[in-house]
C-alpha atoms as a PDB file:
ATOM      1  CA  MET A   1       6.090   1.969 -15.154  1.00  0.00           C
ATOM      2  CA  ARG A   2       9.557   0.610 -15.801  1.00  0.00           C
ATOM      3  CA  THR A   3      10.479   4.241 -17.251  1.00  0.00           C
ATOM      4  CA  ILE A   4       9.175   5.884 -13.995  1.00  0.00           C
ATOM      5  CA  VAL A   5      10.749   3.475 -11.636  1.00  0.00           C
ATOM      6  CA  GLU A   6      14.147   3.711 -13.644  1.00  0.00           C
ATOM      7  CA  ALA A   7      14.130   7.313 -13.602  1.00  0.00           C
ATOM      8  CA  LEU A   8      13.340   7.640  -9.787  1.00  0.00           C
ATOM      9  CA  CYS A   9      16.054   5.314  -9.063  1.00  0.00           C
ATOM     10  CA  SER A  10      18.696   7.217 -11.305  1.00  0.00           C
ATOM     11  CA  ASP A  11      21.799   8.700 -10.101  1.00  0.00           C
ATOM     12  CA  GLU A  12      20.344  12.012 -10.470  1.00  0.00           C
ATOM     13  CA  CYS A  13      17.639  11.366  -7.754  1.00  0.00           C
ATOM     14  CA  ALA A  14      20.330   9.935  -5.550  1.00  0.00           C
ATOM     15  CA  GLY A  15      17.798   8.137  -3.188  1.00  0.00           C
ATOM     16  CA  ARG A  16      15.040  10.737  -3.241  1.00  0.00           C
ATOM     17  CA  ALA A  17      15.942  12.064   0.423  1.00  0.00           C
ATOM     18  CA  PRO A  18      13.418  15.023   1.050  1.00  0.00           C
ATOM     19  CA  GLY A  19      14.765  18.467   0.860  1.00  0.00           C
ATOM     20  CA  THR A  20      17.752  17.289  -1.151  1.00  0.00           C
ATOM     21  CA  PRO A  21      18.658  18.026  -4.906  1.00  0.00           C
ATOM     22  CA  GLY A  22      17.679  14.468  -5.483  1.00  0.00           C
ATOM     23  CA  GLY A  23      14.469  14.655  -3.779  1.00  0.00           C
ATOM     24  CA  LYS A  24      13.623  17.894  -5.987  1.00  0.00           C
ATOM     25  CA  ALA A  25      14.696  15.754  -9.032  1.00  0.00           C
ATOM     26  CA  ALA A  26      12.485  13.024  -8.178  1.00  0.00           C
ATOM     27  CA  ARG A  27       9.469  15.578  -7.596  1.00  0.00           C
ATOM     28  CA  ARG A  28       9.926  16.819 -11.062  1.00  0.00           C
ATOM     29  CA  ILE A  29       9.726  13.174 -12.373  1.00  0.00           C
ATOM     30  CA  VAL A  30       6.556  12.626 -10.581  1.00  0.00           C
ATOM     31  CA  MET A  31       4.912  16.069 -11.758  1.00  0.00           C
ATOM     32  CA  ASP A  32       6.015  15.280 -15.328  1.00  0.00           C
ATOM     33  CA  ALA A  33       4.468  11.600 -15.369  1.00  0.00           C
ATOM     34  CA  PHE A  34       1.199  13.188 -13.808  1.00  0.00           C
ATOM     35  CA  ARG A  35       1.103  15.650 -16.651  1.00  0.00           C
ATOM     36  CA  GLU A  36       1.893  13.059 -19.240  1.00  0.00           C
ATOM     37  CA  ALA A  37      -1.171  11.059 -17.841  1.00  0.00           C
ATOM     38  CA  GLY A  38      -3.566  14.249 -18.585  1.00  0.00           C
ATOM     39  CA  LEU A  39      -3.841  15.579 -15.263  1.00  0.00           C
ATOM     40  CA  SER A  40      -2.723  18.991 -13.684  1.00  0.00           C
ATOM     41  CA  PRO A  41      -0.407  18.234 -10.673  1.00  0.00           C
ATOM     42  CA  VAL A  42       0.334  20.706  -7.740  1.00  0.00           C
ATOM     43  CA  GLU A  43       2.959  20.898  -5.104  1.00  0.00           C
ATOM     44  CA  GLN A  44       2.041  20.985  -1.506  1.00  0.00           C
ATOM     45  CA  PRO A  45       5.104  22.454   0.443  1.00  0.00           C
ATOM     46  CA  ILE A  46       5.886  20.600   3.554  1.00  0.00           C
ATOM     47  CA  GLU A  47       8.537  21.324   6.233  1.00  0.00           C
ATOM     48  CA  VAL A  48      11.089  19.201   4.376  1.00  0.00           C
ATOM     49  CA  GLY A  49       9.895  18.937   0.939  1.00  0.00           C
ATOM     50  CA  ALA A  50       6.649  18.824  -0.944  1.00  0.00           C
ATOM     51  CA  ASN A  51       3.821  16.542  -1.657  1.00  0.00           C
ATOM     52  CA  VAL A  52       2.687  16.181  -5.166  1.00  0.00           C
ATOM     53  CA  LEU A  53      -1.129  15.911  -5.682  1.00  0.00           C
ATOM     54  CA  ALA A  54      -3.337  15.483  -8.779  1.00  0.00           C
ATOM     55  CA  ALA A  55      -7.138  15.685  -8.593  1.00  0.00           C
ATOM     56  CA  LEU A  56      -9.571  14.010 -11.191  1.00  0.00           C
ATOM     57  CA  PRO A  57     -12.940  15.534  -9.818  1.00  0.00           C
ATOM     58  CA  GLY A  58     -15.841  13.385  -9.875  1.00  0.00           C
ATOM     59  CA  LYS A  59     -19.716  13.981 -10.292  1.00  0.00           C
ATOM     60  CA  SER A  60     -20.094  14.309  -6.503  1.00  0.00           C
ATOM     61  CA  ASP A  61     -18.261  16.105  -3.754  1.00  0.00           C
ATOM     62  CA  ARG A  62     -17.099  12.651  -2.331  1.00  0.00           C
ATOM     63  CA  TRP A  63     -13.453  11.698  -2.818  1.00  0.00           C
ATOM     64  CA  VAL A  64     -11.070   8.402  -2.943  1.00  0.00           C
ATOM     65  CA  ILE A  65      -7.494   8.846  -2.478  1.00  0.00           C
ATOM     66  CA  LEU A  66      -4.908   6.853  -3.973  1.00  0.00           C
ATOM     67  CA  ALA A  67      -1.365   7.335  -2.465  1.00  0.00           C
ATOM     68  CA  ALA A  68       2.221   6.397  -2.421  1.00  0.00           C
ATOM     69  CA  HIS A  69       5.283   8.124  -0.891  1.00  0.00           C
ATOM     70  CA  TYR A  70       7.824   8.947  -3.475  1.00  0.00           C
ATOM     71  CA  ASP A  71      10.763   9.515  -1.016  1.00  0.00           C
ATOM     72  CA  HIS A  72      13.482   7.132   0.122  1.00  0.00           C
ATOM     73  CA  LEU A  73      16.664   7.157   2.301  1.00  0.00           C
ATOM     74  CA  GLY A  74      19.052   9.125  -0.175  1.00  0.00           C
ATOM     75  CA  THR A  75      22.654   8.310   0.379  1.00  0.00           C
ATOM     76  CA  MET A  76      25.171   6.882   3.201  1.00  0.00           C
ATOM     77  CA  GLY A  77      28.681   6.960   2.434  1.00  0.00           C
ATOM     78  CA  LYS A  78      29.303   6.006  -1.045  1.00  0.00           C
ATOM     79  CA  ASN A  79      26.083   3.928  -1.245  1.00  0.00           C
ATOM     80  CA  ILE A  80      22.873   5.197  -2.917  1.00  0.00           C
ATOM     81  CA  TYR A  81      19.527   3.718  -1.581  1.00  0.00           C
ATOM     82  CA  ARG A  82      17.583   3.795  -4.756  1.00  0.00           C
ATOM     83  CA  GLY A  83      14.294   2.386  -3.228  1.00  0.00           C
ATOM     84  CA  ALA A  84      12.771   0.420  -6.370  1.00  0.00           C
ATOM     85  CA  ASP A  85      10.333  -1.264  -4.035  1.00  0.00           C
ATOM     86  CA  ASP A  86      10.279   1.413  -1.590  1.00  0.00           C
ATOM     87  CA  ASN A  87       8.683   3.091  -3.056  1.00  0.00           C
ATOM     88  CA  ALA A  88       9.121   3.750  -6.694  1.00  0.00           C
ATOM     89  CA  ALA A  89       7.170   0.812  -7.855  1.00  0.00           C
ATOM     90  CA  ALA A  90       4.096   2.095  -6.105  1.00  0.00           C
ATOM     91  CA  VAL A  91       4.397   5.651  -7.549  1.00  0.00           C
ATOM     92  CA  ALA A  92       4.702   4.058 -11.011  1.00  0.00           C
ATOM     93  CA  ILE A  93       1.455   1.918 -10.489  1.00  0.00           C
ATOM     94  CA  MET A  94      -0.333   4.834  -9.093  1.00  0.00           C
ATOM     95  CA  ILE A  95       0.497   6.944 -12.235  1.00  0.00           C
ATOM     96  CA  ASP A  96      -0.497   3.966 -14.543  1.00  0.00           C
ATOM     97  CA  VAL A  97      -3.948   3.813 -12.676  1.00  0.00           C
ATOM     98  CA  ALA A  98      -4.262   7.654 -13.228  1.00  0.00           C
ATOM     99  CA  ARG A  99      -3.373   7.303 -16.906  1.00  0.00           C
ATOM    100  CA  ALA A 100      -5.942   4.355 -17.362  1.00  0.00           C
ATOM    101  CA  LEU A 101      -9.093   6.271 -15.442  1.00  0.00           C
ATOM    102  CA  PRO A 102     -11.626   8.180 -17.304  1.00  0.00           C
ATOM    103  CA  ARG A 103     -11.634  11.833 -17.112  1.00  0.00           C
ATOM    104  CA  GLU A 104     -15.526  12.538 -17.040  1.00  0.00           C
ATOM    105  CA  THR A 105     -17.637   9.551 -15.883  1.00  0.00           C
ATOM    106  CA  LEU A 106     -16.483   8.736 -12.303  1.00  0.00           C
ATOM    107  CA  ASP A 107     -19.109   9.575  -9.600  1.00  0.00           C
ATOM    108  CA  ARG A 108     -16.668  10.274  -6.696  1.00  0.00           C
ATOM    109  CA  GLY A 109     -13.383  12.226  -7.579  1.00  0.00           C
ATOM    110  CA  ILE A 110      -9.965  10.718  -7.200  1.00  0.00           C
ATOM    111  CA  LEU A 111      -7.127  12.278  -5.591  1.00  0.00           C
ATOM    112  CA  PHE A 112      -3.709  11.020  -6.357  1.00  0.00           C
ATOM    113  CA  ALA A 113      -1.317  11.670  -3.620  1.00  0.00           C
ATOM    114  CA  ALA A 114       2.615  11.210  -4.012  1.00  0.00           C
ATOM    115  CA  PHE A 115       3.536  11.885  -0.436  1.00  0.00           C
ATOM    116  CA  ASP A 116       7.021  13.182   0.649  1.00  0.00           C
ATOM    117  CA  ALA A 117       8.972  12.571   3.805  1.00  0.00           C
ATOM    118  CA  GLU A 118       7.503   9.040   4.755  1.00  0.00           C
ATOM    119  CA  GLU A 119      10.878   7.517   5.493  1.00  0.00           C
ATOM    120  CA  PRO A 120      12.837   7.906   8.902  1.00  0.00           C
ATOM    121  CA  PRO A 121      13.481   9.975  10.597  1.00  0.00           C
ATOM    122  CA  HIS A 122      10.364  11.760   9.427  1.00  0.00           C
ATOM    123  CA  PHE A 123       8.117   8.811   9.947  1.00  0.00           C
ATOM    124  CA  LEU A 124       8.467   9.228  13.673  1.00  0.00           C
ATOM    125  CA  GLN A 125       7.863  12.918  13.531  1.00  0.00           C
ATOM    126  CA  ASN A 126       5.141  15.375  12.463  1.00  0.00           C
ATOM    127  CA  THR A 127       6.943  16.154   9.369  1.00  0.00           C
ATOM    128  CA  MET A 128       5.571  13.146   7.219  1.00  0.00           C
ATOM    129  CA  GLY A 129       3.975  14.611   4.128  1.00  0.00           C
ATOM    130  CA  SER A 130       0.712  12.655   4.815  1.00  0.00           C
ATOM    131  CA  LYS A 131       0.486  14.010   8.383  1.00  0.00           C
ATOM    132  CA  GLU A 132       0.968  17.755   6.922  1.00  0.00           C
ATOM    133  CA  TRP A 133      -1.812  16.704   4.103  1.00  0.00           C
ATOM    134  CA  VAL A 134      -4.246  15.705   6.932  1.00  0.00           C
ATOM    135  CA  ARG A 135      -3.537  18.882   8.767  1.00  0.00           C
ATOM    136  CA  ARG A 136      -3.942  20.907   5.784  1.00  0.00           C
ATOM    137  CA  PRO A 137      -6.129  18.959   3.364  1.00  0.00           C
ATOM    138  CA  THR A 138      -6.689  19.932  -0.098  1.00  0.00           C
ATOM    139  CA  VAL A 139     -10.155  18.333  -0.004  1.00  0.00           C
ATOM    140  CA  PRO A 140     -12.595  18.273   2.957  1.00  0.00           C
ATOM    141  CA  LEU A 141     -11.626  15.266   5.448  1.00  0.00           C
ATOM    142  CA  ASP A 142     -15.229  14.539   5.957  1.00  0.00           C
ATOM    143  CA  GLN A 143     -15.532  14.221   2.223  1.00  0.00           C
ATOM    144  CA  VAL A 144     -13.076  11.220   1.887  1.00  0.00           C
ATOM    145  CA  ASP A 145     -14.663   8.067   1.483  1.00  0.00           C
ATOM    146  CA  LEU A 146     -11.615   5.917   1.312  1.00  0.00           C
ATOM    147  CA  MET A 147      -7.662   6.427   1.433  1.00  0.00           C
ATOM    148  CA  ILE A 148      -5.908   3.669  -0.525  1.00  0.00           C
ATOM    149  CA  CYS A 149      -2.037   3.514   0.431  1.00  0.00           C
ATOM    150  CA  MET A 150       0.628   1.503  -1.436  1.00  0.00           C
ATOM    151  CA  ASP A 151       3.989   0.688  -0.091  1.00  0.00           C
ATOM    152  CA  LEU A 152       6.464  -2.204  -0.789  1.00  0.00           C
ATOM    153  CA  ILE A 153       4.305  -3.303  -3.648  1.00  0.00           C
ATOM    154  CA  GLY A 154       6.595  -4.222  -6.419  1.00  0.00           C
ATOM    155  CA  HIS A 155       8.331  -7.559  -5.490  1.00  0.00           C
ATOM    156  CA  ALA A 156       7.210 -11.125  -5.370  1.00  0.00           C
ATOM    157  CA  PHE A 157       6.059 -12.599  -1.959  1.00  0.00           C
ATOM    158  CA  GLY A 158       8.565 -15.340  -1.274  1.00  0.00           C
ATOM    159  CA  PRO A 159      12.028 -16.448  -2.873  1.00  0.00           C
ATOM    160  CA  PRO A 160      12.405 -18.011  -6.120  1.00  0.00           C
ATOM    161  CA  GLY A 161      10.691 -21.420  -6.372  1.00  0.00           C
ATOM    162  CA  THR A 162       7.858 -20.261  -4.125  1.00  0.00           C
ATOM    163  CA  PRO A 163       4.500 -21.373  -5.817  1.00  0.00           C
ATOM    164  CA  GLU A 164       3.211 -18.553  -8.098  1.00  0.00           C
ATOM    165  CA  ASP A 165      -0.112 -18.436  -5.960  1.00  0.00           C
ATOM    166  CA  VAL A 166       1.817 -17.317  -3.110  1.00  0.00           C
ATOM    167  CA  ARG A 167       4.324 -15.016  -5.124  1.00  0.00           C
ATOM    168  CA  GLN A 168       1.479 -13.208  -6.703  1.00  0.00           C
ATOM    169  CA  THR A 169       0.211 -12.416  -3.082  1.00  0.00           C
ATOM    170  CA  VAL A 170      -0.631  -8.620  -2.154  1.00  0.00           C
ATOM    171  CA  PHE A 171      -1.854  -8.035   1.399  1.00  0.00           C
ATOM    172  CA  ALA A 172      -4.950  -5.920   1.946  1.00  0.00           C
ATOM    173  CA  LEU A 173      -5.074  -4.409   5.419  1.00  0.00           C
ATOM    174  CA  GLY A 174      -7.741  -2.166   6.944  1.00  0.00           C
ATOM    175  CA  ALA A 175     -10.817  -3.234   4.840  1.00  0.00           C
ATOM    176  CA  GLU A 176     -12.786  -4.303   8.154  1.00  0.00           C
ATOM    177  CA  ARG A 177     -12.497  -0.623   9.248  1.00  0.00           C
ATOM    178  CA  SER A 178     -15.162   0.630   7.005  1.00  0.00           C
ATOM    179  CA  THR A 179     -18.556  -0.529   5.664  1.00  0.00           C
ATOM    180  CA  GLY A 180     -18.683  -2.622   2.566  1.00  0.00           C
ATOM    181  CA  THR A 181     -14.927  -2.575   1.935  1.00  0.00           C
ATOM    182  CA  SER A 182     -14.199  -6.138   3.036  1.00  0.00           C
ATOM    183  CA  THR A 183     -16.770  -7.479   0.907  1.00  0.00           C
ATOM    184  CA  HIS A 184     -15.692  -5.345  -2.128  1.00  0.00           C
ATOM    185  CA  VAL A 185     -11.884  -6.749  -1.701  1.00  0.00           C
ATOM    186  CA  ASP A 186     -13.127 -10.301  -1.261  1.00  0.00           C
ATOM    187  CA  ALA A 187     -15.066 -10.305  -4.500  1.00  0.00           C
ATOM    188  CA  LEU A 188     -12.171  -9.036  -6.579  1.00  0.00           C
ATOM    189  CA  ALA A 189      -9.332 -11.120  -4.716  1.00  0.00           C
ATOM    190  CA  ARG A 190      -8.735 -13.232  -7.739  1.00  0.00           C
ATOM    191  CA  GLN A 191     -10.448 -11.569 -10.370  1.00  0.00           C
ATOM    192  CA  ILE A 192      -7.220 -10.155 -12.109  1.00  0.00           C
ATOM    193  CA  PRO A 193      -4.694 -12.953 -13.391  1.00  0.00           C
ATOM    194  CA  GLY A 194      -1.366 -12.522 -11.923  1.00  0.00           C
ATOM    195  CA  VAL A 195      -2.155 -11.037  -8.602  1.00  0.00           C
ATOM    196  CA  VAL A 196      -3.822 -12.656  -5.428  1.00  0.00           C
ATOM    197  CA  VAL A 197      -5.163  -9.980  -2.744  1.00  0.00           C
ATOM    198  CA  ARG A 198      -5.334 -11.594   0.586  1.00  0.00           C
ATOM    199  CA  ARG A 199      -6.808  -9.426   3.564  1.00  0.00           C
ATOM    200  CA  LEU A 200      -5.149  -9.159   7.014  1.00  0.00           C
ATOM    201  CA  ASP A 201      -6.588  -7.175   9.901  1.00  0.00           C
ATOM    202  CA  ALA A 202      -5.008  -3.834  10.245  1.00  0.00           C
ATOM    203  CA  GLU A 203      -3.796  -4.390  13.792  1.00  0.00           C
ATOM    204  CA  VAL A 204      -1.402  -7.429  13.114  1.00  0.00           C
ATOM    205  CA  ILE A 205       1.454  -4.917  12.464  1.00  0.00           C
ATOM    206  CA  PRO A 206       2.392  -1.153  13.662  1.00  0.00           C
ATOM    207  CA  PRO A 207       0.989   1.385  11.320  1.00  0.00           C
ATOM    208  CA  LEU A 208       3.989   1.578   9.183  1.00  0.00           C
ATOM    209  CA  SER A 209       3.133   4.029   6.353  1.00  0.00           C
ATOM    210  CA  ASP A 210       1.168   7.077   5.114  1.00  0.00           C
ATOM    211  CA  TYR A 211      -2.378   5.478   6.124  1.00  0.00           C
ATOM    212  CA  GLU A 212      -1.622   6.069   9.851  1.00  0.00           C
ATOM    213  CA  ALA A 213      -2.645   9.640   9.681  1.00  0.00           C
ATOM    214  CA  PHE A 214      -5.988   8.769   8.314  1.00  0.00           C
ATOM    215  CA  TRP A 215      -6.463   5.899  10.718  1.00  0.00           C
ATOM    216  CA  ARG A 216      -6.015   8.211  13.545  1.00  0.00           C
ATOM    217  CA  ASN A 217      -8.646  10.493  12.010  1.00  0.00           C
ATOM    218  CA  GLU A 218     -10.967   7.753  11.500  1.00  0.00           C
ATOM    219  CA  ILE A 219     -11.040   8.106   7.732  1.00  0.00           C
ATOM    220  CA  PRO A 220     -11.584   4.656   5.988  1.00  0.00           C
ATOM    221  CA  PHE A 221      -8.390   3.159   4.432  1.00  0.00           C
ATOM    222  CA  LEU A 222      -6.884   0.434   2.761  1.00  0.00           C
ATOM    223  CA  PHE A 223      -3.252  -0.552   2.927  1.00  0.00           C
ATOM    224  CA  LEU A 224      -1.559  -2.591   0.182  1.00  0.00           C
ATOM    225  CA  SER A 225       1.805  -4.213   0.659  1.00  0.00           C
ATOM    226  CA  CYS A 226       3.789  -7.327  -0.076  1.00  0.00           C
ATOM    227  CA  ALA A 227       5.549  -6.990   3.291  1.00  0.00           C
ATOM    228  CA  HIS A 228       9.236  -6.523   3.798  1.00  0.00           C
ATOM    229  CA  GLY A 229      11.510  -8.147   1.275  1.00  0.00           C
ATOM    230  CA  ARG A 230      15.188  -8.986   2.028  1.00  0.00           C
ATOM    231  CA  ARG A 231      16.315  -5.950   0.029  1.00  0.00           C
ATOM    232  CA  TYR A 232      14.363  -3.579   2.395  1.00  0.00           C
ATOM    233  CA  HIS A 233      16.239  -0.451   3.147  1.00  0.00           C
ATOM    234  CA  THR A 234      19.424  -1.713   1.495  1.00  0.00           C
ATOM    235  CA  PRO A 235      21.339  -0.454  -1.421  1.00  0.00           C
ATOM    236  CA  GLU A 236      20.098  -3.696  -3.444  1.00  0.00           C
ATOM    237  CA  ASP A 237      16.727  -2.514  -3.521  1.00  0.00           C
ATOM    238  CA  THR A 238      17.050  -1.756  -7.430  1.00  0.00           C
ATOM    239  CA  PRO A 239      14.804  -2.082 -10.254  1.00  0.00           C
ATOM    240  CA  ALA A 240      16.445  -5.469 -11.179  1.00  0.00           C
ATOM    241  CA  TRP A 241      14.531  -7.337  -8.645  1.00  0.00           C
ATOM    242  CA  LEU A 242      11.034  -5.892  -9.203  1.00  0.00           C
ATOM    243  CA  ASP A 243       8.274  -8.260 -10.431  1.00  0.00           C
ATOM    244  CA  TRP A 244       6.838  -6.205 -13.355  1.00  0.00           C
ATOM    245  CA  LYS A 245       4.229  -8.731 -14.412  1.00  0.00           C
ATOM    246  CA  LYS A 246       2.940  -8.601 -10.887  1.00  0.00           C
ATOM    247  CA  MET A 247       2.854  -4.807 -10.981  1.00  0.00           C
ATOM    248  CA  GLU A 248       0.914  -4.645 -14.304  1.00  0.00           C
ATOM    249  CA  SER A 249      -1.592  -6.998 -12.731  1.00  0.00           C
ATOM    250  CA  LEU A 250      -1.820  -4.980  -9.573  1.00  0.00           C
ATOM    251  CA  ALA A 251      -2.415  -1.805 -11.537  1.00  0.00           C
ATOM    252  CA  ARG A 252      -5.120  -3.305 -13.450  1.00  0.00           C
ATOM    253  CA  TRP A 253      -6.856  -4.770 -10.071  1.00  0.00           C
ATOM    254  CA  LEU A 254      -6.494  -1.205  -8.574  1.00  0.00           C
ATOM    255  CA  GLU A 255      -7.947   0.534 -11.764  1.00  0.00           C
ATOM    256  CA  ARG A 256     -10.977  -1.619 -11.354  1.00  0.00           C
ATOM    257  CA  PHE A 257     -11.041  -1.411  -7.463  1.00  0.00           C
ATOM    258  CA  VAL A 258     -11.046   2.344  -7.754  1.00  0.00           C
ATOM    259  CA  ARG A 259     -13.683   2.594 -10.533  1.00  0.00           C
ATOM    260  CA  GLU A 260     -15.873   0.448  -8.343  1.00  0.00           C
ATOM    261  CA  THR A 261     -15.109   2.465  -5.250  1.00  0.00           C
ATOM    262  CA  SER A 262     -15.992   5.621  -6.849  1.00  0.00           C
ATOM    263  CA  ALA A 263     -19.209   4.122  -8.339  1.00  0.00           C
ATOM    264  CA  ARG A 264     -20.366   2.639  -4.839  1.00  0.00           C
ATOM    265  CA  PRO A 265     -24.171   3.519  -4.172  1.00  0.00           C
ATOM    266  CA  GLU A 266     -23.739   4.555  -0.701  1.00  0.00           C
ATOM    267  CA  ALA A 267     -23.716   8.304   0.110  1.00  0.00           C
ATOM    268  CA  LYS A 268     -20.759   7.677   2.202  1.00  0.00           C
ATOM    269  CA  ILE A 269     -18.717   5.047   3.129  1.00  0.00           C
ATOM    270  CA  GLU A 270     -18.714   4.893   6.888  1.00  0.00           C
ATOM    271  CA  TRP A 271     -15.904   4.285   9.479  1.00  0.00           C
ATOM    272  CA  ILE A 272     -16.242   1.183  11.649  1.00  0.00           C
ATOM    273  CA  ASN A 273     -14.549   2.243  15.035  1.00  0.00           C
ATOM    274  CA  ASP A 274     -12.580  -0.529  16.629  1.00  0.00           C
ATOM    275  CA  ALA A 275     -13.260  -3.341  14.126  1.00  0.00           C
ATOM    276  CA  ARG A 276     -11.201  -6.563  14.369  1.00  0.00           C
ATOM    277  CA  ASP A 277     -10.999  -9.611  11.966  1.00  0.00           C
ATOM    278  CA  ASP A 278      -8.412 -11.771  13.418  1.00  0.00           C
ATOM    279  CA  ALA A 279     -10.093 -14.937  12.091  1.00  0.00           C
ATOM    280  CA  LEU A 280      -9.681 -13.722   8.649  1.00  0.00           C
ATOM    281  CA  THR A 281      -6.250 -12.879   9.145  1.00  0.00           C
ATOM    282  CA  LEU A 282      -5.488 -16.496  10.336  1.00  0.00           C
ATOM    283  CA  ARG A 283      -7.484 -17.921   7.328  1.00  0.00           C
ATOM    284  CA  SER A 284      -5.244 -15.923   4.913  1.00  0.00           C
ATOM    285  CA  LEU A 285      -1.999 -17.170   6.548  1.00  0.00           C
ATOM    286  CA  SER A 286      -3.448 -20.766   6.516  1.00  0.00           C
ATOM    287  CA  ASP A 287      -4.178 -20.525   2.918  1.00  0.00           C
ATOM    288  CA  ILE A 288      -0.454 -19.479   2.161  1.00  0.00           C
ATOM    289  CA  ALA A 289       0.735 -22.257   4.194  1.00  0.00           C
ATOM    290  CA  ARG A 290      -1.238 -24.984   2.742  1.00  0.00           C
ATOM    291  CA  SER A 291       0.190 -23.517  -0.841  1.00  0.00           C
ATOM    292  CA  LEU A 292       3.599 -23.906   0.423  1.00  0.00           C
ATOM    293  CA  ALA A 293       3.402 -27.145   2.270  1.00  0.00           C
ATOM    294  CA  ASP A 294       4.745 -29.275  -0.615  1.00  0.00           C
ATOM    295  CA  VAL A 295       7.901 -27.299  -1.031  1.00  0.00           C
ATOM    296  CA  ASN A 296       8.764 -26.095   2.583  1.00  0.00           C
ATOM    297  CA  PRO A 297       8.183 -27.803   5.979  1.00  0.00           C
ATOM    298  CA  GLN A 298       8.240 -24.841   7.935  1.00  0.00           C
ATOM    299  CA  PRO A 299       4.477 -23.902   6.993  1.00  0.00           C
ATOM    300  CA  ILE A 300       3.319 -27.180   8.857  1.00  0.00           C
ATOM    301  CA  GLU A 301       4.078 -25.365  11.937  1.00  0.00           C
ATOM    302  CA  TRP A 302       2.221 -22.100  10.888  1.00  0.00           C
ATOM    303  CA  LEU A 303      -1.008 -24.412  10.157  1.00  0.00           C
ATOM    304  CA  GLY A 304      -0.896 -25.930  13.371  1.00  0.00           C
ATOM    305  CA  THR A 305      -0.523 -22.470  15.158  1.00  0.00           C
ATOM    306  CA  ALA A 306      -3.262 -20.778  12.937  1.00  0.00           C
ATOM    307  CA  SER A 307      -5.644 -23.574  13.386  1.00  0.00           C
ATOM    308  CA  THR A 308      -5.090 -23.263  17.328  1.00  0.00           C
ATOM    309  CA  LEU A 309      -5.824 -19.754  17.274  1.00  0.00           C
ATOM    310  CA  LEU A 310      -8.614 -19.661  14.958  1.00  0.00           C
ATOM    311  CA  ALA A 311     -10.363 -21.992  17.346  1.00  0.00           C
ATOM    312  CA  ALA A 312     -10.012 -19.313  20.125  1.00  0.00           C
ATOM    313  CA  CYS A 313     -11.658 -16.715  18.162  1.00  0.00           C
ATOM    314  CA  GLY A 314     -15.122 -15.639  19.164  1.00  0.00           C
ATOM    315  CA  THR A 315     -18.016 -15.532  16.889  1.00  0.00           C
ATOM    316  CA  ASP A 316     -17.207 -12.109  16.243  1.00  0.00           C
ATOM    317  CA  GLY A 317     -13.741 -13.151  14.652  1.00  0.00           C
ATOM    318  CA  ARG A 318     -11.706 -11.731  17.551  1.00  0.00           C
ATOM    319  CA  LEU A 319      -9.047 -13.250  19.299  1.00  0.00           C
ATOM    320  CA  PRO A 320      -9.067 -12.828  23.235  1.00  0.00           C
ATOM    321  CA  GLU A 321      -6.572  -9.950  24.139  1.00  0.00           C
ATOM    322  CA  ALA A 322      -4.284 -12.411  25.906  1.00  0.00           C
ATOM    323  CA  ARG A 323      -3.833 -14.500  22.629  1.00  0.00           C
ATOM    324  CA  ARG A 324      -3.005 -11.540  20.203  1.00  0.00           C
ATOM    325  CA  ARG A 325       0.703 -11.607  20.728  1.00  0.00           C
ATOM    326  CA  GLU A 326       0.773 -15.172  19.551  1.00  0.00           C
ATOM    327  CA  LEU A 327      -0.970 -13.855  16.228  1.00  0.00           C
ATOM    328  CA  MET A 328       1.360 -11.143  15.869  1.00  0.00           C
ATOM    329  CA  MET A 329       4.473 -13.470  16.292  1.00  0.00           C
ATOM    330  CA  LEU A 330       2.917 -15.800  13.617  1.00  0.00           C
ATOM    331  CA  VAL A 331       2.643 -12.808  11.108  1.00  0.00           C
ATOM    332  CA  GLN A 332       6.109 -11.954  11.954  1.00  0.00           C
ATOM    333  CA  MET A 333       7.339 -15.556  11.416  1.00  0.00           C
ATOM    334  CA  VAL A 334       5.733 -15.755   8.119  1.00  0.00           C
ATOM    335  CA  GLU A 335       7.139 -12.264   6.831  1.00  0.00           C
ATOM    336  CA  ASP A 336      10.679 -13.394   8.027  1.00  0.00           C
ATOM    337  CA  GLU A 337      10.594 -16.890   6.328  1.00  0.00           C
ATOM    338  CA  MET A 338       9.147 -15.440   3.124  1.00  0.00           C
ATOM    339  CA  ALA A 339      11.590 -12.478   2.917  1.00  0.00           C
END
């Protein structure tokens, strides 16, 4: 993984902006890495670059997608925005999972998708690689059982000195939107040493990555992220600050999760429309606050707010709409404090 990240963050790739020589160099690196993993990647041209897709067919016509965008911001003046955490680390993890999965025994097929053109200005336009893929899918959309999206996944959560149980956090959003996925994520949350997967409701943040196009088309998704770090979208987002051990643990967690998702016995993983799990979000934030209480007084305030909001949740786990702004403010407060 380190080799792939360092290659994608090199001067040759120059920040990997779509449609630039650096973006094309990054695409070659991703293509070569998939080939070395034993797959046969193809390019899907889009308006401003190209997606890189590698399929691992299964026994059935159902599919799981594991995705991460490989582009970044390029250069600004003399600065190269190398994008180690955003999103070279996720690409390396995805390829590591591809290398580890068996070639003939999976029930559902796995489509590995390295999307281009996720960053601004494409994020706010219809030129995103993931939106292009949904418009021109390489497997039928109604045969996709789960899309797993990774973004900002290579750093420890919290500054140095934060308890390891917190720094190992990876947030999982959107599991509540499909049948059986929440239970599956919870069952594996602490099964791999070095990573702790904590679920949040998908609506606590705006849809900020490639899962948006799948969400809008009611395709089950899971978004994995460690939230914004303090080096987000700066020239300081370099390989030097990545948590390599955490990345290795997450790759093993994902390998197991993808294997088990492929083997799920249902004929189809169903979309759950308008699902919400505010109570689960509040419990996840409360667990973090309790772990931090001995080293930081700020979480005491978080715990109080979370407890008040948890008491306001209905039996279905939903907050009244009038209280949802408080929840989103709490999530933002935690992210800002831990950046």
